[in-house]
């Protein structure tokens, strides 16, 4: 089978789970050919490409961060066609009209496919005027109607970057056998812009589209831009409203057209259903984790220091370490011997400094006498040092692992703690309850007292903590391994092919022999044609 894997800011560039799950999937299915179509977000990211297995036959990349001016200018007729399509697109964005949005999107894609890139047209004065007319038209929200010229220019600039996949040469098969139009299945590793090439391959060539979302892109956009959690200067209200409307319309189109959707958890699945995805095309597929990395800790008789709480993750505001430190202050008042070890996989420097400062205020360094050096009961550490060389060692440092987040999608660190056989105390956010499944304690978010009471209940009952840890490990080994993840996608790939082809030319998967795709000057497309229809006159 020939699979086109679509990514944005992930495999084969980024580190972390965005890359790892794709890498595990590709390596777990060596019997198939994979072609990577990657959208990169920065020049630094592109320099960090990971090694790829041999059955990744092609890698094609396109930057979303660099200018994409191909010098193409349109004739008067082409400009008129662009204006008509762009007016439909922005009308769909501003007025919330999904049919107009889809018509404009595919119209622009067809124009780019036939006449070249859209860079100059999208940045033209006519594009700005069309956007302004759509913002002022009846049906637009009050915030959008108040857009100023600077807002329109900023949004058009953002829109050009998000629509850049429309102008790529990824679709028709080239002389080397590359092209999304020739693959058997398009698999988008995320929603949003990453799935846009898959939408076009389905539109132009009828290629089945599978979309996987472990973190819903629409939700991520809302959190980053509408909630004020983004980096740098926040967009103005009108720009935020236009960006939100675009992402909503794009998500709705993706969920309506995809042949199959695989959310990574029930929380993501509910978002997709509310945006129009139908249940018959949905199947929850949990992320696959390498359970072997945690076997030494999970199977060990040592259950960790009974007086130590462990936290692992990225130090950032969404993780709410401030509330955890206040909760730990209550734990210390009840159990003075308790320690808290915070292991950072990455950190927001400013937020980390705030957490260190609060820990120093809440817990002055303790010393046995007036001449010895004090020690703070809260330790900030990094994974990879001589004392803690791996994540498994970090989880194994204590008997109880804590998650204090106010925002979560799929809590990867929680599943890793479960694989290590540790009892957990977590806040009820995102997919936490779904992951825990009754094998840990869950408390309301932003409630330090409830978090402290739950931690104390496990610290004071070693038998209960051990029982919950064993149940957690059994659950994680059943649901969150690489093996279950790879098996699920193998079944889904075959299911998509078994449904039959929707290709406009009537092509059938596997109709051409593999030899037809072997690169070389002797490869001729004339002998690699699909088999003739037995009902046709030529076949008779």
Protein backbone atom coordinates (compact mmCIF):
# COMPACT_ATOMS: atom_id res chain seq x y z
CA UNK A 1 0.00 0.00 0.00
CA UNK A 2 1.19 3.53 -0.78
CA UNK A 3 0.40 6.05 1.96
CA UNK A 4 0.86 9.81 1.75
CA UNK A 5 1.53 11.09 5.28
CA UNK A 6 0.75 14.81 5.73
CA UNK A 7 2.27 16.77 8.61
CA UNK A 8 2.57 20.37 9.76
CA UNK A 9 5.40 21.27 12.12
CA UNK A 10 5.81 17.61 13.06
CA UNK A 11 7.40 14.52 11.54
CA UNK A 12 10.11 14.38 10.28
CA UNK A 13 11.25 17.64 11.90
CA UNK A 14 9.85 18.37 15.35
CA UNK A 15 10.67 16.68 18.61
CA UNK A 16 8.16 15.46 21.16
CA UNK A 17 4.94 13.51 20.69
CA UNK A 18 4.10 15.41 17.46
CA UNK A 19 7.00 13.56 15.84
CA UNK A 20 7.19 10.38 17.89
CA UNK A 21 3.77 8.94 17.15
CA UNK A 22 4.27 9.35 13.39
CA UNK A 23 7.72 7.79 13.61
CA UNK A 24 6.35 4.84 15.57
CA UNK A 25 3.52 4.38 13.07
CA UNK A 26 5.83 4.44 10.04
CA UNK A 27 8.35 2.07 11.61
CA UNK A 28 5.57 -0.23 12.76
CA UNK A 29 4.28 -0.76 9.19
CA UNK A 30 7.38 -1.65 7.12
CA UNK A 31 5.23 -3.62 4.67
CA UNK A 32 3.82 -0.35 3.25
CA UNK A 33 5.42 2.52 1.34
CA UNK A 34 5.19 5.95 2.97
CA UNK A 35 5.60 9.28 1.25
CA UNK A 36 6.02 12.31 3.53
CA UNK A 37 4.53 15.69 2.68
CA UNK A 38 5.70 18.05 5.41
CA UNK A 39 4.81 21.68 6.09
CA UNK A 40 7.54 23.24 8.24
CA UNK A 41 7.10 26.21 10.59
CA UNK A 42 10.65 27.56 10.86
CA UNK A 43 14.14 27.31 9.43
CA UNK A 44 15.44 25.98 12.77
CA UNK A 45 12.91 23.17 12.63
CA UNK A 46 13.99 22.09 9.16
CA UNK A 47 17.58 21.66 10.34
CA UNK A 48 16.44 19.04 12.89
CA UNK A 49 15.25 16.30 10.54
CA UNK A 50 15.25 12.81 12.04
CA UNK A 51 16.56 9.67 10.27
CA UNK A 52 13.91 7.90 8.21
CA UNK A 53 13.45 4.18 7.52
CA UNK A 54 14.00 2.76 4.04
CA UNK A 55 10.30 2.31 3.24
CA UNK A 56 9.83 6.10 3.34
CA UNK A 57 10.29 6.46 -0.39
CA UNK A 58 9.80 10.21 -0.88
CA UNK A 59 9.98 13.33 1.28
CA UNK A 60 8.59 16.61 -0.01
CA UNK A 61 8.66 19.70 2.17
CA UNK A 62 7.27 23.21 1.95
CA UNK A 63 7.86 26.07 4.40
CA UNK A 64 4.96 28.03 5.86
CA UNK A 65 7.37 30.59 7.29
CA UNK A 66 9.15 31.81 4.13
CA UNK A 67 7.79 34.01 1.33
CA UNK A 68 6.33 31.98 -1.53
CA UNK A 69 6.34 34.50 -4.39
CA UNK A 70 6.90 32.57 -7.61
CA UNK A 71 6.73 35.73 -9.70
CA UNK A 72 3.49 34.60 -11.32
CA UNK A 73 1.04 37.34 -12.34
CA UNK A 74 -2.44 36.65 -13.68
CA UNK A 75 -4.09 37.90 -16.86
CA UNK A 76 -7.29 39.94 -16.71
CA UNK A 77 -9.48 36.83 -17.10
CA UNK A 78 -7.53 34.99 -14.41
CA UNK A 79 -7.78 37.98 -12.05
CA UNK A 80 -11.54 38.00 -12.56
CA UNK A 81 -11.70 34.31 -11.78
CA UNK A 82 -9.56 34.82 -8.68
CA UNK A 83 -11.78 37.68 -7.52
CA UNK A 84 -14.93 35.56 -7.85
CA UNK A 85 -13.43 32.65 -5.89
CA UNK A 86 -11.87 34.86 -3.23
CA UNK A 87 -15.14 36.74 -2.71
CA UNK A 88 -16.89 33.42 -2.06
CA UNK A 89 -14.16 32.35 0.36
CA UNK A 90 -14.21 35.51 2.48
CA UNK A 91 -18.02 35.61 2.38
CA UNK A 92 -17.99 32.11 3.83
CA UNK A 93 -15.53 33.21 6.52
CA UNK A 94 -17.31 36.41 7.54
CA UNK A 95 -20.92 35.25 7.20
CA UNK A 96 -20.40 31.69 8.45
CA UNK A 97 -21.50 30.14 5.15
CA UNK A 98 -19.83 26.70 4.77
CA UNK A 99 -20.96 26.14 1.17
CA UNK A 100 -19.54 29.47 0.01
CA UNK A 101 -16.30 28.80 1.90
CA UNK A 102 -15.89 25.39 0.24
CA UNK A 103 -16.70 26.74 -3.22
CA UNK A 104 -14.16 29.55 -2.83
CA UNK A 105 -11.50 27.23 -1.40
CA UNK A 106 -11.72 24.67 -4.19
CA UNK A 107 -12.07 27.40 -6.81
CA UNK A 108 -8.79 28.97 -5.70
CA UNK A 109 -7.17 25.52 -5.62
CA UNK A 110 -8.26 24.87 -9.19
CA UNK A 111 -6.90 28.23 -10.32
CA UNK A 112 -3.56 27.61 -8.62
CA UNK A 113 -3.36 24.14 -10.15
CA UNK A 114 -3.95 25.46 -13.66
CA UNK A 115 -2.24 28.85 -13.63
CA UNK A 116 0.36 28.86 -10.84
CA UNK A 117 0.74 30.23 -7.33
CA UNK A 118 -1.65 32.57 -5.55
CA UNK A 119 0.96 34.62 -3.67
CA UNK A 120 0.65 37.87 -5.64
CA UNK A 121 -3.13 37.62 -6.03
CA UNK A 122 -3.74 37.03 -2.31
CA UNK A 123 -1.65 40.10 -1.44
CA UNK A 124 -3.24 42.35 -4.02
CA UNK A 125 -5.42 45.39 -3.42
CA UNK A 126 -8.42 43.58 -4.93
CA UNK A 127 -8.10 40.86 -2.26
CA UNK A 128 -8.12 43.46 0.51
CA UNK A 129 -11.14 45.22 -1.02
CA UNK A 130 -13.04 41.92 -1.34
CA UNK A 131 -12.29 41.15 2.32
CA UNK A 132 -13.44 44.62 3.37
CA UNK A 133 -16.72 44.19 1.47
CA UNK A 134 -17.31 40.82 3.14
CA UNK A 135 -16.62 42.31 6.58
CA UNK A 136 -19.13 45.12 6.01
CA UNK A 137 -21.82 42.87 4.50
CA UNK A 138 -24.93 41.78 6.45
CA UNK A 139 -24.37 38.62 8.45
CA UNK A 140 -20.86 39.48 9.63
CA UNK A 141 -20.31 39.79 13.37
CA UNK A 142 -20.01 43.20 15.00
CA UNK A 143 -16.33 42.59 15.75
CA UNK A 144 -15.58 41.74 12.12
CA UNK A 145 -17.58 44.73 10.84
CA UNK A 146 -15.34 47.00 12.92
CA UNK A 147 -12.17 45.81 11.13
CA UNK A 148 -9.80 48.60 10.12
CA UNK A 149 -7.42 48.67 7.16
CA UNK A 150 -4.53 47.43 9.30
CA UNK A 151 -6.68 44.50 10.44
CA UNK A 152 -7.54 43.61 6.85
CA UNK A 153 -3.89 43.72 5.77
CA UNK A 154 -2.82 41.58 8.73
CA UNK A 155 -5.49 38.96 8.09
CA UNK A 156 -4.75 38.79 4.35
CA UNK A 157 -1.09 38.20 5.24
CA UNK A 158 -2.07 35.37 7.61
CA UNK A 159 -4.48 33.94 5.06
CA UNK A 160 -1.80 33.75 2.37
CA UNK A 161 0.34 31.58 4.65
CA UNK A 162 -2.54 29.29 5.60
CA UNK A 163 -3.60 28.84 1.95
CA UNK A 164 -0.06 28.16 0.71
CA UNK A 165 -0.75 24.40 0.26
CA UNK A 166 -3.15 25.33 -2.55
CA UNK A 167 -0.19 26.47 -4.66
CA UNK A 168 2.10 23.47 -4.08
CA UNK A 169 3.09 21.03 -6.83
CA UNK A 170 2.33 18.00 -4.67
CA UNK A 171 -0.74 16.69 -6.44
CA UNK A 172 -0.03 15.49 -9.99
CA UNK A 173 2.37 12.56 -10.26
CA UNK A 174 5.78 13.68 -11.52
CA UNK A 175 8.48 11.80 -13.43
CA UNK A 176 9.87 10.30 -10.21
CA UNK A 177 6.51 8.82 -9.28
CA UNK A 178 5.80 11.39 -6.54
CA UNK A 179 2.40 12.94 -6.11
CA UNK A 180 -0.58 12.76 -3.77
CA UNK A 181 -2.83 11.94 -6.70
CA UNK A 182 -1.09 8.56 -7.07
CA UNK A 183 -1.12 7.36 -3.43
CA UNK A 184 -3.65 4.85 -2.13
CA UNK A 185 -4.49 6.75 1.08
CA UNK A 186 -3.78 10.28 2.34
CA UNK A 187 -3.22 10.31 6.09
CA UNK A 188 -3.16 13.76 7.70
CA UNK A 189 -1.36 13.62 11.05
CA UNK A 190 -3.31 16.67 12.26
CA UNK A 191 -6.32 18.73 11.29
CA UNK A 192 -6.23 22.31 10.08
CA UNK A 193 -3.71 23.35 7.44
CA UNK A 194 -1.96 19.95 7.57
CA UNK A 195 -5.08 18.28 6.15
CA UNK A 196 -5.53 20.82 3.34
CA UNK A 197 -3.37 18.90 0.80
CA UNK A 198 -5.42 15.79 1.58
CA UNK A 199 -8.64 17.67 0.89
CA UNK A 200 -7.32 18.71 -2.51
CA UNK A 201 -6.06 15.20 -3.35
CA UNK A 202 -9.54 13.90 -2.57
CA UNK A 203 -11.17 16.68 -4.57
CA UNK A 204 -8.98 16.34 -7.67
CA UNK A 205 -8.21 12.60 -7.67
CA UNK A 206 -10.64 10.90 -5.26
CA UNK A 207 -7.86 9.71 -2.93
CA UNK A 208 -9.33 8.52 0.43
CA UNK A 209 -8.53 10.92 3.28
CA UNK A 210 -7.84 9.86 6.88
CA UNK A 211 -7.42 12.61 9.50
CA UNK A 212 -5.88 11.94 12.93
CA UNK A 213 -6.11 14.54 15.70
CA UNK A 214 -4.53 13.94 19.08
CA UNK A 215 -5.00 17.61 19.83
CA UNK A 216 -7.85 19.32 17.98
CA UNK A 217 -6.34 22.11 15.87
CA UNK A 218 -9.43 24.31 16.19
CA UNK A 219 -9.28 24.06 20.00
CA UNK A 220 -5.54 24.76 19.95
CA UNK A 221 -6.16 27.91 17.91
CA UNK A 222 -8.82 29.12 20.32
CA UNK A 223 -6.52 28.55 23.29
CA UNK A 224 -3.52 30.20 21.64
CA UNK A 225 -5.21 33.27 20.16
CA UNK A 226 -8.56 33.79 21.81
CA UNK A 227 -7.43 32.91 25.30
CA UNK A 228 -4.34 35.11 25.28
CA UNK A 229 -1.93 32.20 25.65
CA UNK A 230 -0.05 32.81 22.43
CA UNK A 231 3.53 34.01 22.24
CA UNK A 232 4.33 37.57 21.29
CA UNK A 233 1.91 40.38 20.58
CA UNK A 234 -1.74 39.32 20.43
CA UNK A 235 -3.72 40.06 17.23
CA UNK A 236 -6.35 42.78 17.36
CA UNK A 237 -9.96 41.70 18.08
CA UNK A 238 -11.09 41.84 14.42
CA UNK A 239 -8.10 39.76 13.29
CA UNK A 240 -8.71 37.23 16.05
CA UNK A 241 -12.36 36.94 15.02
CA UNK A 242 -11.45 36.44 11.34
CA UNK A 243 -8.79 33.85 12.15
CA UNK A 244 -11.21 31.97 14.40
CA UNK A 245 -13.87 32.01 11.67
CA UNK A 246 -11.39 30.68 9.08
CA UNK A 247 -10.24 27.82 11.30
CA UNK A 248 -13.83 26.92 12.16
CA UNK A 249 -14.87 26.83 8.49
CA UNK A 250 -11.77 24.80 7.56
CA UNK A 251 -12.35 22.32 10.39
CA UNK A 252 -15.99 21.93 9.35
CA UNK A 253 -14.97 21.22 5.75
CA UNK A 254 -12.32 18.70 6.80
CA UNK A 255 -14.73 16.83 9.08
CA UNK A 256 -17.40 16.80 6.36
CA UNK A 257 -15.13 15.51 3.56
CA UNK A 258 -12.72 13.14 5.32
CA UNK A 259 -13.44 9.47 4.69
CA UNK A 260 -12.43 8.61 8.25
CA UNK A 261 -11.46 10.49 11.41
CA UNK A 262 -9.39 9.08 14.27
CA UNK A 263 -9.46 11.34 17.34
CA UNK A 264 -6.90 10.46 19.98
CA UNK A 265 -9.39 10.56 22.84
CA UNK A 266 -13.04 11.13 23.67
CA UNK A 267 -12.42 14.82 24.42
CA UNK A 268 -11.14 15.39 20.85
CA UNK A 269 -13.97 13.25 19.49
CA UNK A 270 -16.61 15.48 21.10
CA UNK A 271 -15.03 18.56 19.49
CA UNK A 272 -15.15 16.87 16.09
CA UNK A 273 -18.78 15.80 16.52
CA UNK A 274 -19.80 19.34 17.46
CA UNK A 275 -18.13 20.59 14.28
CA UNK A 276 -20.13 18.23 12.08
CA UNK A 277 -18.27 14.90 12.04
CA UNK A 278 -20.65 11.94 11.87
CA UNK A 279 -20.22 8.99 14.22
CA UNK A 280 -20.04 6.39 11.46
CA UNK A 281 -16.72 7.93 10.31
CA UNK A 282 -15.18 8.26 13.78
CA UNK A 283 -13.00 5.87 15.72
CA UNK A 284 -10.95 6.72 18.80
CA UNK A 285 -7.32 5.58 18.46
CA UNK A 286 -5.19 6.26 21.51
CA UNK A 287 -1.55 7.34 21.05
CA UNK A 288 0.99 4.54 21.01
CA UNK A 289 3.79 4.70 23.58
CA UNK A 290 6.90 2.59 23.90
CA UNK A 291 6.01 0.59 27.00
CA UNK A 292 9.47 -1.02 27.08
CA UNK A 293 10.99 2.31 28.17
CA UNK A 294 9.08 2.06 31.45
CA UNK A 295 9.28 -1.68 32.11
CA UNK A 296 12.25 -1.49 34.49
CA UNK A 297 10.37 0.89 36.77
CA UNK A 298 6.89 -0.55 36.24
CA UNK A 299 7.93 -4.12 37.11
CA UNK A 300 10.33 -3.24 39.92
CA UNK A 301 9.49 -4.16 43.49
CA UNK A 302 10.57 -0.69 44.62
CA UNK A 303 7.51 1.58 44.51
CA UNK A 304 9.52 4.80 44.97
CA UNK A 305 10.11 7.05 47.94
CA UNK A 306 6.90 6.95 50.03
CA UNK A 307 7.34 10.60 51.08
CA UNK A 308 7.93 12.06 47.60
CA UNK A 309 5.48 13.60 45.15
CA UNK A 310 6.58 13.76 41.50
CA UNK A 311 5.54 16.14 38.73
CA UNK A 312 6.81 15.70 35.13
CA UNK A 313 6.15 17.88 32.11
CA UNK A 314 6.68 21.21 30.39
CA UNK A 315 6.80 24.10 32.83
CA UNK A 316 4.26 26.58 31.45
CA UNK A 317 1.16 28.45 32.70
CA UNK A 318 -1.28 25.79 31.42
CA UNK A 319 0.29 23.27 33.83
CA UNK A 320 -0.62 25.49 36.82
CA UNK A 321 2.44 24.74 38.95
CA UNK A 322 1.52 27.75 41.09
CA UNK A 323 -1.55 25.87 42.36
CA UNK A 324 0.58 22.75 42.88
CA UNK A 325 3.05 24.67 45.06
CA UNK A 326 0.22 26.08 47.19
CA UNK A 327 -1.25 22.57 47.50
CA UNK A 328 2.14 21.23 48.54
CA UNK A 329 2.32 23.87 51.26
CA UNK A 330 -0.80 22.28 52.82
CA UNK A 331 0.68 18.80 52.37
CA UNK A 332 3.83 19.89 54.22
CA UNK A 333 1.83 21.24 57.11
CA UNK A 334 0.19 17.83 57.53
CA UNK A 335 3.24 15.71 56.61
CA UNK A 336 6.47 17.66 57.24
CA UNK A 337 8.70 14.94 55.75
CA UNK A 338 7.12 15.14 52.28
CA UNK A 339 9.14 16.37 49.30
CA UNK A 340 8.10 17.57 45.84
CA UNK A 341 10.34 16.88 42.83
CA UNK A 342 9.48 18.82 39.66
CA UNK A 343 11.06 17.37 36.51
CA UNK A 344 10.97 19.72 33.52
CA UNK A 345 11.01 18.30 30.00
CA UNK A 346 10.99 21.90 28.69
CA UNK A 347 10.20 25.27 30.23
CA UNK A 348 8.87 28.75 29.72
CA UNK A 349 11.79 30.67 31.30
CA UNK A 350 9.63 33.43 32.78
CA UNK A 351 7.10 31.04 34.29
CA UNK A 352 9.86 28.78 35.64
CA UNK A 353 11.43 31.79 37.37
CA UNK A 354 8.05 32.66 38.94
CA UNK A 355 7.65 29.09 40.22
CA UNK A 356 11.15 29.05 41.72
CA UNK A 357 10.49 32.37 43.41
CA UNK A 358 7.20 31.15 44.90
CA UNK A 359 8.83 27.93 46.12
CA UNK A 360 11.53 29.97 47.86
CA UNK A 361 8.87 32.10 49.58
CA UNK A 362 6.61 29.22 50.63
CA UNK A 363 9.42 26.91 51.73
CA UNK A 364 12.47 28.68 53.19
CA UNK A 365 15.57 26.50 53.04
CA UNK A 366 15.57 24.09 55.97
CA UNK A 367 18.71 23.56 58.04
CA UNK A 368 19.40 21.38 61.08
CA UNK A 369 21.43 24.14 62.77
CA UNK A 370 22.76 27.64 62.25
CA UNK A 371 25.90 26.58 60.35
CA UNK A 372 24.66 23.91 57.91
CA UNK A 373 23.37 24.68 54.44
CA UNK A 374 19.61 24.63 54.05
CA UNK A 375 17.66 22.45 51.64
CA UNK A 376 14.35 23.34 50.02
CA UNK A 377 11.70 20.56 50.00
CA UNK A 378 10.81 21.55 46.43
CA UNK A 379 13.39 20.53 43.80
CA UNK A 380 13.39 21.73 40.18
CA UNK A 381 15.28 19.21 38.04
CA UNK A 382 15.84 18.28 34.41
CA UNK A 383 15.53 14.83 32.89
CA UNK A 384 18.75 13.63 31.29
CA UNK A 385 21.24 14.39 34.05
CA UNK A 386 23.36 11.85 35.95
CA UNK A 387 20.82 11.46 38.76
CA UNK A 388 17.77 11.16 36.51
CA UNK A 389 18.88 9.94 33.06
CA UNK A 390 15.41 9.01 31.78
CA UNK A 391 11.72 9.82 32.17
CA UNK A 392 11.17 6.39 33.75
CA UNK A 393 13.67 7.25 36.51
CA UNK A 394 11.82 10.53 37.12
CA UNK A 395 8.46 8.81 37.57
CA UNK A 396 10.10 6.17 39.73
CA UNK A 397 11.49 8.75 42.16
CA UNK A 398 8.24 8.93 44.15
CA UNK A 399 5.19 6.89 45.05
CA UNK A 400 2.62 9.41 43.77
CA UNK A 401 2.67 11.38 40.47
CA UNK A 402 0.70 14.64 40.29
CA UNK A 403 -0.84 16.46 37.33
CA UNK A 404 -2.11 19.97 38.13
CA UNK A 405 -3.04 21.31 34.66
CA UNK A 406 -5.89 23.65 33.80
CA UNK A 407 -5.61 22.79 30.07
CA UNK A 408 -4.88 19.36 28.63
CA UNK A 409 -5.62 17.38 25.51
CA UNK A 410 -4.32 13.85 25.86
CA UNK A 411 -2.15 13.85 29.03
CA UNK A 412 0.94 11.99 27.82
CA UNK A 413 2.80 12.31 31.12
CA UNK A 414 -0.15 10.77 32.95
CA UNK A 415 -0.13 7.72 30.66
CA UNK A 416 3.64 7.39 31.14
CA UNK A 417 3.21 7.49 34.92
CA UNK A 418 0.60 4.72 34.58
CA UNK A 419 3.05 2.61 32.56
CA UNK A 420 5.47 3.05 35.47
CA UNK A 421 2.86 1.64 37.87
CA UNK A 422 2.48 4.85 39.85
CA UNK A 423 -0.63 6.07 41.63
CA UNK A 424 -1.73 9.44 40.26
CA UNK A 425 -3.55 12.56 41.44
CA UNK A 426 -4.87 14.67 38.56
CA UNK A 427 -7.10 17.63 37.80
CA UNK A 428 -10.26 16.94 35.82
CA UNK A 429 -9.36 18.55 32.47
CA UNK A 430 -9.25 17.36 28.88
CA UNK A 431 -9.08 13.57 28.53
CA UNK A 432 -7.76 12.94 32.07
CA UNK A 433 -10.77 10.96 33.32
CA UNK A 434 -10.81 8.90 30.13
CA UNK A 435 -7.13 8.03 30.49
CA UNK A 436 -7.28 7.30 34.22
CA UNK A 437 -10.41 5.17 34.00
CA UNK A 438 -10.75 4.82 37.79
CA UNK A 439 -7.11 3.95 38.47
CA UNK A 440 -6.23 7.29 40.10
CA UNK A 441 -7.67 10.20 42.02
CA UNK A 442 -9.19 13.16 40.13
CA UNK A 443 -9.95 16.59 41.63
CA UNK A 444 -11.37 19.86 40.23
CA UNK A 445 -8.85 22.18 38.52
CA UNK A 446 -7.68 25.37 40.26
CA UNK A 447 -8.41 23.88 43.69
CA UNK A 448 -5.16 23.55 45.71
CA UNK A 449 -6.96 22.29 48.82
CA UNK A 450 -8.62 19.40 46.95
CA UNK A 451 -5.28 18.58 45.30
CA UNK A 452 -3.55 18.53 48.70
CA UNK A 453 -6.20 16.30 50.30
CA UNK A 454 -5.97 13.78 47.47
CA UNK A 455 -2.16 13.66 47.72
CA UNK A 456 -2.35 13.17 51.50
CA UNK A 457 -4.84 10.33 51.13
CA UNK A 458 -2.38 8.36 48.98
CA UNK A 459 0.73 9.31 50.94
CA UNK A 460 -0.96 7.99 54.08
CA UNK A 461 -2.17 4.71 52.56
CA UNK A 462 0.69 2.83 50.90
CA UNK A 463 -1.46 -0.24 50.17
CA UNK A 464 -4.05 1.81 48.30
CA UNK A 465 -1.38 3.65 46.33
CA UNK A 466 0.23 0.36 45.29
CA UNK A 467 -3.12 -1.12 44.29
CA UNK A 468 -4.01 1.90 42.15
CA UNK A 469 -0.55 1.88 40.57
CA UNK A 470 -0.86 -1.77 39.54
CA UNK A 471 -4.31 -1.17 38.05
CA UNK A 472 -3.00 1.90 36.20
CA UNK A 473 -0.13 -0.06 34.64
CA UNK A 474 -2.48 -2.84 33.49
CA UNK A 475 -4.79 -0.28 31.88
CA UNK A 476 -1.96 1.55 30.13
CA UNK A 477 -0.51 -1.69 28.74
CA UNK A 478 -3.91 -2.53 27.30
CA UNK A 479 -4.74 0.84 25.72
CA UNK A 480 -1.68 3.03 25.18
CA UNK A 481 1.00 0.90 23.51
CA UNK A 482 2.58 1.26 20.09
CA UNK A 483 1.26 -2.18 19.12
CA UNK A 484 -2.41 -1.28 19.60
CA UNK A 485 -1.90 2.02 17.76
CA UNK A 486 -0.20 0.45 14.73
CA UNK A 487 -2.73 -2.39 14.52
CA UNK A 488 -5.61 0.10 14.55
CA UNK A 489 -4.19 2.17 11.68
CA UNK A 490 -3.34 -0.94 9.65
CA UNK A 491 -6.99 -1.99 9.91
CA UNK A 492 -8.23 1.49 8.99
CA UNK A 493 -5.97 1.70 5.91
CA UNK A 494 -7.36 -1.60 4.65
CA UNK A 495 -10.90 -0.50 5.45
CA UNK A 496 -10.49 2.65 3.34
CA UNK A 497 -9.24 0.65 0.39
CA UNK A 498 -12.02 -1.92 0.79
CA UNK A 499 -14.65 0.83 0.43
CA UNK A 500 -13.70 1.20 -3.22
CA UNK A 501 -12.24 4.05 -5.21
CA UNK A 502 -13.83 7.42 -5.91
CA UNK A 503 -11.20 8.42 -8.42
CA UNK A 504 -12.62 10.43 -11.34
CA UNK A 505 -10.66 8.35 -13.87
CA UNK A 506 -12.06 5.11 -12.47
CA UNK A 507 -8.62 3.95 -11.35
CA UNK A 508 -8.33 1.06 -8.93
CA UNK A 509 -5.75 0.79 -6.11
CA UNK A 510 -2.88 -1.59 -6.96
CA UNK A 511 -3.85 -1.51 -10.67
CA UNK A 512 -0.30 -0.59 -11.62
CA UNK A 513 2.52 -3.00 -10.71
CA UNK A 514 5.16 -1.76 -8.25
CA UNK A 515 7.73 -1.80 -11.06
CA UNK A 516 5.92 1.15 -12.62
CA UNK A 517 7.13 3.34 -9.77
CA UNK A 518 10.80 2.31 -9.78
CA UNK A 519 12.86 5.43 -10.61
CA UNK A 520 15.11 5.26 -13.64
CA UNK A 521 15.42 6.55 -17.22
CA UNK A 522 14.01 3.27 -18.60
CA UNK A 523 10.73 3.65 -16.69
CA UNK A 524 8.07 4.43 -19.26
CA UNK A 525 4.53 5.50 -18.35
CA UNK A 526 3.24 4.02 -21.62
CA UNK A 527 3.47 0.38 -20.50
CA UNK A 528 2.34 1.13 -16.93
CA UNK A 529 -1.23 1.99 -17.84
CA UNK A 530 -4.16 0.66 -15.77
CA UNK A 531 -5.66 -2.59 -17.01
CA UNK A 532 -8.44 -2.01 -19.61
CA UNK A 533 -12.06 -2.30 -18.61
CA UNK A 534 -13.14 -5.85 -19.60
CA UNK A 535 -16.56 -4.48 -20.68
CA UNK A 536 -15.08 -2.00 -23.14
CA UNK A 537 -14.88 -2.57 -26.92
CA UNK A 538 -11.08 -2.35 -26.82
CA UNK A 539 -10.90 -5.24 -24.38
CA UNK A 540 -13.19 -7.35 -26.55
